[in-house]
Amino acid sequence: MEVILKETIKNLGDIGDVVTVKPGYGRNYLIPTGRAAYATPDNLRILSQEKEALERKQQTEKELIATRSKEFENLRLTIEANVTEQGNLYGSIGTIDIVNSAKNIGKEIERSEVNLPDGPIKSIGEHEVKLIFHPEIQVTILVNVVGGEVAIKNTLDLEEEIDNIEEENKNEEIIEESQ
């Protein structure tokens, strides 16, 4: 299926390019989101007239994204995680954890902007994580994963709460059976 791109899409093409894509990708994603149009002679003519306006619009959006990305330069996040006695993580640090950590210090990041090419972080220490705001605008931040008593304490508190709830339910069952 051939479509005309209405915006620059990484690994696909630039504004106004006629590209061949799989039918499902075109029908279900590119066209409904307004990123592309069917490659018909009428659409080609219309898009050639609108190409300049689309490029200006994309340039202003890119400038806004660039100013937003500047607030994330040299950003360092510290995430406390549960660790074993040997220093290994019990779980892993994913995009949600990074977004929540940034939110705690007042920075808004979308999950889709966090790039973990090697998968979730599974070790303690400093890790470089890329934030991709636009195919041409990327910022690298440092995520420091530390093991802490607070994280272990929170897990223990949660387990104790679950035990207390289960114990209360058993007590209620015993009281109901005795009546």
Protein backbone atom coordinates (compact mmCIF):
# COMPACT_ATOMS: atom_id res chain seq x y z
CA MET A 1 0.00 0.00 0.00
CA GLU A 2 1.36 3.40 -0.95
CA VAL A 3 0.85 6.43 1.27
CA ILE A 4 1.99 10.04 1.29
CA LEU A 5 3.65 11.11 4.55
CA LYS A 6 2.30 14.27 6.19
CA GLU A 7 5.16 14.41 8.70
CA THR A 8 8.67 13.05 9.08
CA ILE A 9 8.63 9.54 10.50
CA LYS A 10 11.83 7.87 11.66
CA ASN A 11 12.94 4.95 9.46
CA LEU A 12 10.17 5.71 6.95
CA GLY A 13 10.55 9.10 5.27
CA ASP A 14 10.05 12.86 5.23
CA ILE A 15 7.06 15.10 4.57
CA GLY A 16 5.62 14.54 1.11
CA ASP A 17 7.43 11.25 0.44
CA VAL A 18 5.40 8.51 -1.22
CA VAL A 19 6.29 5.30 0.61
CA THR A 20 5.13 1.71 0.50
CA VAL A 21 3.96 0.33 3.84
CA LYS A 22 2.16 -2.79 4.95
CA PRO A 23 -1.61 -2.34 4.61
CA GLY A 24 -2.34 -2.77 8.32
CA TYR A 25 0.27 -0.18 9.34
CA GLY A 26 -1.15 2.32 6.87
CA ARG A 27 -4.84 1.67 7.54
CA ASN A 28 -4.69 1.24 11.29
CA TYR A 29 -1.99 3.70 12.34
CA LEU A 30 -0.62 6.17 9.79
CA ILE A 31 -3.87 7.32 8.17
CA PRO A 32 -6.11 7.47 11.30
CA THR A 33 -3.49 9.46 13.24
CA GLY A 34 -3.13 11.94 10.37
CA ARG A 35 0.49 11.10 9.68
CA ALA A 36 -0.20 9.92 6.14
CA ALA A 37 -2.81 9.95 3.37
CA TYR A 38 -3.62 7.47 0.61
CA ALA A 39 -1.39 8.02 -2.44
CA THR A 40 -4.01 9.11 -4.97
CA PRO A 41 -3.43 11.71 -7.69
CA ASP A 42 -5.80 14.14 -5.91
CA ASN A 43 -4.00 13.71 -2.58
CA LEU A 44 -0.60 14.18 -4.28
CA ARG A 45 -1.78 17.49 -5.76
CA ILE A 46 -3.32 18.68 -2.46
CA LEU A 47 -0.27 17.69 -0.42
CA SER A 48 2.15 19.46 -2.77
CA GLN A 49 0.18 22.66 -2.09
CA GLU A 50 0.11 22.06 1.68
CA LYS A 51 3.71 20.83 1.97
CA GLU A 52 5.13 24.22 2.97
CA ALA A 53 2.50 24.73 5.68
CA LEU A 54 3.11 21.23 7.03
CA GLU A 55 6.86 21.83 7.14
CA ARG A 56 6.37 25.13 9.03
CA LYS A 57 4.03 23.42 11.48
CA GLN A 58 6.51 20.60 12.06
CA GLN A 59 9.35 23.11 12.51
CA THR A 60 7.43 25.03 15.22
CA GLU A 61 6.57 21.75 16.97
CA LYS A 62 10.24 20.77 16.85
CA GLU A 63 11.24 24.10 18.40
CA LEU A 64 8.75 23.57 21.24
CA ILE A 65 10.07 20.06 21.80
CA ALA A 66 13.66 21.36 21.78
CA THR A 67 12.89 23.89 24.52
CA ARG A 68 11.14 21.19 26.55
CA SER A 69 14.07 18.80 26.12
CA LYS A 70 16.52 21.38 27.49
CA GLU A 71 15.02 21.04 30.98
CA PHE A 72 16.03 17.37 30.98
CA GLU A 73 19.70 17.92 30.08
CA ASN A 74 22.05 16.85 32.88
CA LEU A 75 19.13 15.27 34.76
CA ARG A 76 20.05 12.65 37.37
CA LEU A 77 17.41 10.39 38.84
CA THR A 78 17.93 8.17 41.86
CA ILE A 79 15.71 5.13 42.23
CA GLU A 80 15.69 2.96 45.33
CA ALA A 81 15.02 -0.70 44.67
CA ASN A 82 14.85 -3.96 46.58
CA VAL A 83 18.17 -5.79 46.49
CA THR A 84 19.52 -9.12 47.65
CA GLU A 85 22.42 -9.36 50.06
CA GLN A 86 24.72 -9.87 47.05
CA GLY A 87 23.58 -6.56 45.54
CA ASN A 88 21.31 -7.89 42.77
CA LEU A 89 17.90 -6.38 42.12
CA TYR A 90 14.86 -8.45 43.07
CA GLY A 91 12.94 -7.10 40.09
CA SER A 92 13.92 -4.62 37.45
CA ILE A 93 13.64 -0.90 36.76
CA GLY A 94 11.45 -0.15 33.77
CA THR A 95 10.02 2.87 32.02
CA ILE A 96 7.24 3.32 34.59
CA ASP A 97 9.77 3.51 37.44
CA ILE A 98 11.78 6.15 35.57
CA VAL A 99 8.65 8.19 34.78
CA ASN A 100 7.50 8.02 38.42
CA SER A 101 10.94 9.03 39.70
CA ALA A 102 10.96 12.04 37.36
CA LYS A 103 7.42 12.94 38.45
CA ASN A 104 8.58 12.94 42.09
CA ILE A 105 11.04 15.74 41.30
CA GLY A 106 8.52 17.68 39.21
CA LYS A 107 9.50 16.61 35.69
CA GLU A 108 6.85 15.25 33.33
CA ILE A 109 7.96 12.45 31.00
CA GLU A 110 5.81 10.11 28.94
CA ARG A 111 6.55 6.39 29.01
CA SER A 112 6.89 6.40 25.24
CA GLU A 113 9.73 8.95 25.49
CA VAL A 114 11.92 6.68 27.66
CA ASN A 115 14.18 4.46 25.57
CA LEU A 116 15.63 1.32 27.17
CA PRO A 117 17.18 -0.47 24.16
CA ASP A 118 18.64 -3.29 26.29
CA GLY A 119 15.40 -3.83 28.18
CA PRO A 120 14.73 -3.00 31.82
CA ILE A 121 17.60 -2.12 34.17
CA LYS A 122 18.55 -5.17 36.24
CA SER A 123 21.61 -4.03 38.16
CA ILE A 124 22.63 -1.46 40.74
CA GLY A 125 24.67 1.55 39.65
CA GLU A 126 24.48 4.41 37.19
CA HIS A 127 22.84 3.80 33.84
CA GLU A 128 22.49 6.10 30.85
CA VAL A 129 18.94 6.29 29.55
CA LYS A 130 17.88 8.14 26.42
CA LEU A 131 14.77 10.26 26.31
CA ILE A 132 13.54 10.50 22.72
CA PHE A 133 11.23 13.49 22.32
CA HIS A 134 11.47 13.54 18.52
CA PRO A 135 13.52 11.43 16.08
CA GLU A 136 16.01 14.31 15.87
CA ILE A 137 15.84 15.43 19.53
CA GLN A 138 17.26 13.04 22.12
CA VAL A 139 18.56 13.69 25.62
CA THR A 140 20.63 11.30 27.74
CA ILE A 141 19.93 11.23 31.47
CA LEU A 142 21.61 9.32 34.29
CA VAL A 143 19.57 6.90 36.36
CA ASN A 144 21.26 5.84 39.57
CA VAL A 145 19.79 2.62 40.96
CA VAL A 146 20.53 2.12 44.65
CA GLY A 147 19.50 -0.52 47.12
CA GLY A 148 17.90 0.89 50.19
CA GLU A 149 16.38 -0.14 53.46
CA VAL A 150 13.36 2.03 52.66
CA ALA A 151 12.51 -0.06 49.61
CA ILE A 152 12.92 -3.29 51.56
CA LYS A 153 10.92 -1.86 54.46
CA ASN A 154 8.06 -0.89 52.11
CA THR A 155 7.92 -4.42 50.76
CA LEU A 156 7.91 -5.86 54.26
CA ASP A 157 5.17 -3.46 55.33
CA LEU A 158 3.06 -4.53 52.35
CA GLU A 159 3.57 -8.21 53.17
CA GLU A 160 2.62 -7.56 56.82
CA GLU A 161 -0.54 -5.75 55.71
CA ILE A 162 -1.52 -8.69 53.51
CA ASP A 163 -0.88 -11.09 56.41
CA ASN A 164 -2.99 -8.93 58.75
CA ILE A 165 -5.87 -8.82 56.26
CA GLU A 166 -5.74 -12.59 55.78
CA GLU A 167 -5.66 -13.07 59.56
CA GLU A 168 -8.70 -10.80 60.02
CA ASN A 169 -10.59 -12.74 57.35
CA LYS A 170 -9.81 -16.04 59.12
CA ASN A 171 -10.99 -14.59 62.46
CA GLU A 172 -14.25 -13.44 60.84
CA GLU A 173 -14.80 -16.92 59.37
CA ILE A 174 -14.22 -18.55 62.77
CA ILE A 175 -16.69 -16.15 64.44
CA GLU A 176 -19.34 -16.82 61.76
CA GLU A 177 -18.91 -20.62 62.07
CA SER A 178 -19.24 -20.55 65.86
CA GLN A 179 -22.58 -18.69 65.76
